[in-house]
Structure formats: C-alpha cells, structure tokens
Amino acid sequence: MQTLDASAWRCPLPLLKVKLWLKAAQGGQQLQLLIADAGSRQDIPAYLLRMGHSVTRVSEETNMLTLIITKAP
C-alpha cells in the first residue's frame, strides 16, 4: 500500500494528487492518505464516495485525518 502525506498541502492540491493517483492505480489498489487541511478533510472523502471508491477513516485527530482509499474496479 502506498502512502501519500498531504498534510502540508492546502486545498485543492491534496485532491489533485489523489486524482492523479486514481488515474494511475488499478482497481482494488489502496492508498493511505494523510490530510490536515480543513477543506480537504471534508471534500476528499465526499468526492471519493461520489465517484464510487471505498473510503475508510483510520484515525481522526484535531489536526490530522488518515484515510484508506480503495480504488473501485
């Protein structure tokens, strides 16, 4: 599983990086994503679910959200 630490980036850069990963990934591949930006913390999970991908919240702290994204087949 790859890890993308996007905690230092502000919206929309984390979403753009996730979209690039989705374009290159095979169905069923997973990505661990770390995000801190408040906008990204709301927008990215909503976008992924809307697009049919699986999103699991691993941990949610005050300043950090860790997700496991599984690309849809």
C-alpha atoms as a PDB file:
ATOM      1  CA  MET A   1       0.000   0.000   0.000  1.00  0.00           C
ATOM      2  CA  GLN A   2       1.278   3.442  -0.907  1.00  0.00           C
ATOM      3  CA  THR A   3       1.142   6.393   1.471  1.00  0.00           C
ATOM      4  CA  LEU A   4       0.506   9.976   0.418  1.00  0.00           C
ATOM      5  CA  ASP A   5       1.319  12.517   3.118  1.00  0.00           C
ATOM      6  CA  ALA A   6      -0.627  15.572   2.008  1.00  0.00           C
ATOM      7  CA  SER A   7      -0.666  17.113   5.477  1.00  0.00           C
ATOM      8  CA  ALA A   8       1.483  20.082   4.439  1.00  0.00           C
ATOM      9  CA  TRP A   9      -0.676  20.956   1.415  1.00  0.00           C
ATOM     10  CA  ARG A  10      -3.762  23.140   1.234  1.00  0.00           C
ATOM     11  CA  CYS A  11      -6.837  22.553  -0.887  1.00  0.00           C
ATOM     12  CA  PRO A  12      -7.034  21.860  -3.832  1.00  0.00           C
ATOM     13  CA  LEU A  13      -3.556  20.270  -4.097  1.00  0.00           C
ATOM     14  CA  PRO A  14      -4.377  17.149  -1.984  1.00  0.00           C
ATOM     15  CA  LEU A  15      -7.426  16.422  -4.165  1.00  0.00           C
ATOM     16  CA  LEU A  16      -5.402  16.883  -7.343  1.00  0.00           C
ATOM     17  CA  LYS A  17      -2.752  14.438  -6.071  1.00  0.00           C
ATOM     18  CA  VAL A  18      -5.460  11.892  -5.175  1.00  0.00           C
ATOM     19  CA  LYS A  19      -6.982  12.245  -8.650  1.00  0.00           C
ATOM     20  CA  LEU A  20      -3.560  11.603 -10.214  1.00  0.00           C
ATOM     21  CA  TRP A  21      -3.132   8.506  -8.049  1.00  0.00           C
ATOM     22  CA  LEU A  22      -6.605   7.253  -9.023  1.00  0.00           C
ATOM     23  CA  LYS A  23      -5.780   7.694 -12.703  1.00  0.00           C
ATOM     24  CA  ALA A  24      -2.629   5.557 -12.387  1.00  0.00           C
ATOM     25  CA  ALA A  25      -3.924   2.957  -9.906  1.00  0.00           C
ATOM     26  CA  GLN A  26      -5.519  -0.387 -10.713  1.00  0.00           C
ATOM     27  CA  GLY A  27      -8.939  -1.336  -9.347  1.00  0.00           C
ATOM     28  CA  GLY A  28      -8.613  -2.616  -5.784  1.00  0.00           C
ATOM     29  CA  GLN A  29      -5.339  -0.795  -5.076  1.00  0.00           C
ATOM     30  CA  GLN A  30      -5.172   1.080  -1.802  1.00  0.00           C
ATOM     31  CA  LEU A  31      -3.705   4.399  -0.738  1.00  0.00           C
ATOM     32  CA  GLN A  32      -3.166   5.652   2.786  1.00  0.00           C
ATOM     33  CA  LEU A  33      -3.833   9.405   2.737  1.00  0.00           C
ATOM     34  CA  LEU A  34      -2.897  11.876   5.463  1.00  0.00           C
ATOM     35  CA  ILE A  35      -4.600  15.270   5.253  1.00  0.00           C
ATOM     36  CA  ALA A  36      -4.696  18.233   7.603  1.00  0.00           C
ATOM     37  CA  ASP A  37      -6.386  20.995   5.589  1.00  0.00           C
ATOM     38  CA  ALA A  38      -9.972  21.525   6.776  1.00  0.00           C
ATOM     39  CA  GLY A  39     -11.376  21.862   3.260  1.00  0.00           C
ATOM     40  CA  SER A  40      -9.631  18.718   2.058  1.00  0.00           C
ATOM     41  CA  ARG A  41     -10.827  16.780   5.101  1.00  0.00           C
ATOM     42  CA  GLN A  42     -14.409  17.398   4.004  1.00  0.00           C
ATOM     43  CA  ASP A  43     -14.079  17.477   0.225  1.00  0.00           C
ATOM     44  CA  ILE A  44     -11.877  14.453  -0.472  1.00  0.00           C
ATOM     45  CA  PRO A  45     -13.970  11.760   1.280  1.00  0.00           C
ATOM     46  CA  ALA A  46     -17.166  13.199  -0.236  1.00  0.00           C
ATOM     47  CA  TYR A  47     -15.629  13.226  -3.734  1.00  0.00           C
ATOM     48  CA  LEU A  48     -14.300   9.669  -3.434  1.00  0.00           C
ATOM     49  CA  LEU A  49     -17.623   8.278  -2.244  1.00  0.00           C
ATOM     50  CA  ARG A  50     -19.459  10.117  -5.024  1.00  0.00           C
ATOM     51  CA  MET A  51     -17.100   8.516  -7.555  1.00  0.00           C
ATOM     52  CA  GLY A  52     -17.750   5.018  -6.125  1.00  0.00           C
ATOM     53  CA  HIS A  53     -14.439   4.438  -4.352  1.00  0.00           C
ATOM     54  CA  SER A  54     -14.184   2.969  -0.855  1.00  0.00           C
ATOM     55  CA  VAL A  55     -13.019   5.275   1.951  1.00  0.00           C
ATOM     56  CA  THR A  56     -12.172   4.099   5.470  1.00  0.00           C
ATOM     57  CA  ARG A  57     -11.371   6.573   8.216  1.00  0.00           C
ATOM     58  CA  VAL A  58      -8.421   5.128  10.116  1.00  0.00           C
ATOM     59  CA  SER A  59      -7.941   7.981  12.571  1.00  0.00           C
ATOM     60  CA  GLU A  60      -9.267  11.469  13.021  1.00  0.00           C
ATOM     61  CA  GLU A  61      -7.374  13.784  15.301  1.00  0.00           C
ATOM     62  CA  THR A  62      -7.693  17.529  15.814  1.00  0.00           C
ATOM     63  CA  ASN A  63      -5.295  18.406  13.005  1.00  0.00           C
ATOM     64  CA  MET A  64      -4.954  15.183  11.003  1.00  0.00           C
ATOM     65  CA  LEU A  65      -7.233  12.790   9.160  1.00  0.00           C
ATOM     66  CA  THR A  66      -5.918   9.430   7.963  1.00  0.00           C
ATOM     67  CA  LEU A  67      -7.893   7.616   5.271  1.00  0.00           C
ATOM     68  CA  ILE A  68      -7.506   4.341   3.415  1.00  0.00           C
ATOM     69  CA  ILE A  69      -8.762   4.736  -0.137  1.00  0.00           C
ATOM     70  CA  THR A  70      -9.559   1.665  -2.234  1.00  0.00           C
ATOM     71  CA  LYS A  71      -9.981   2.349  -5.924  1.00  0.00           C
ATOM     72  CA  ALA A  72     -13.178   0.999  -7.407  1.00  0.00           C
ATOM     73  CA  PRO A  73     -12.806  -1.741 -10.040  1.00  0.00           C
END
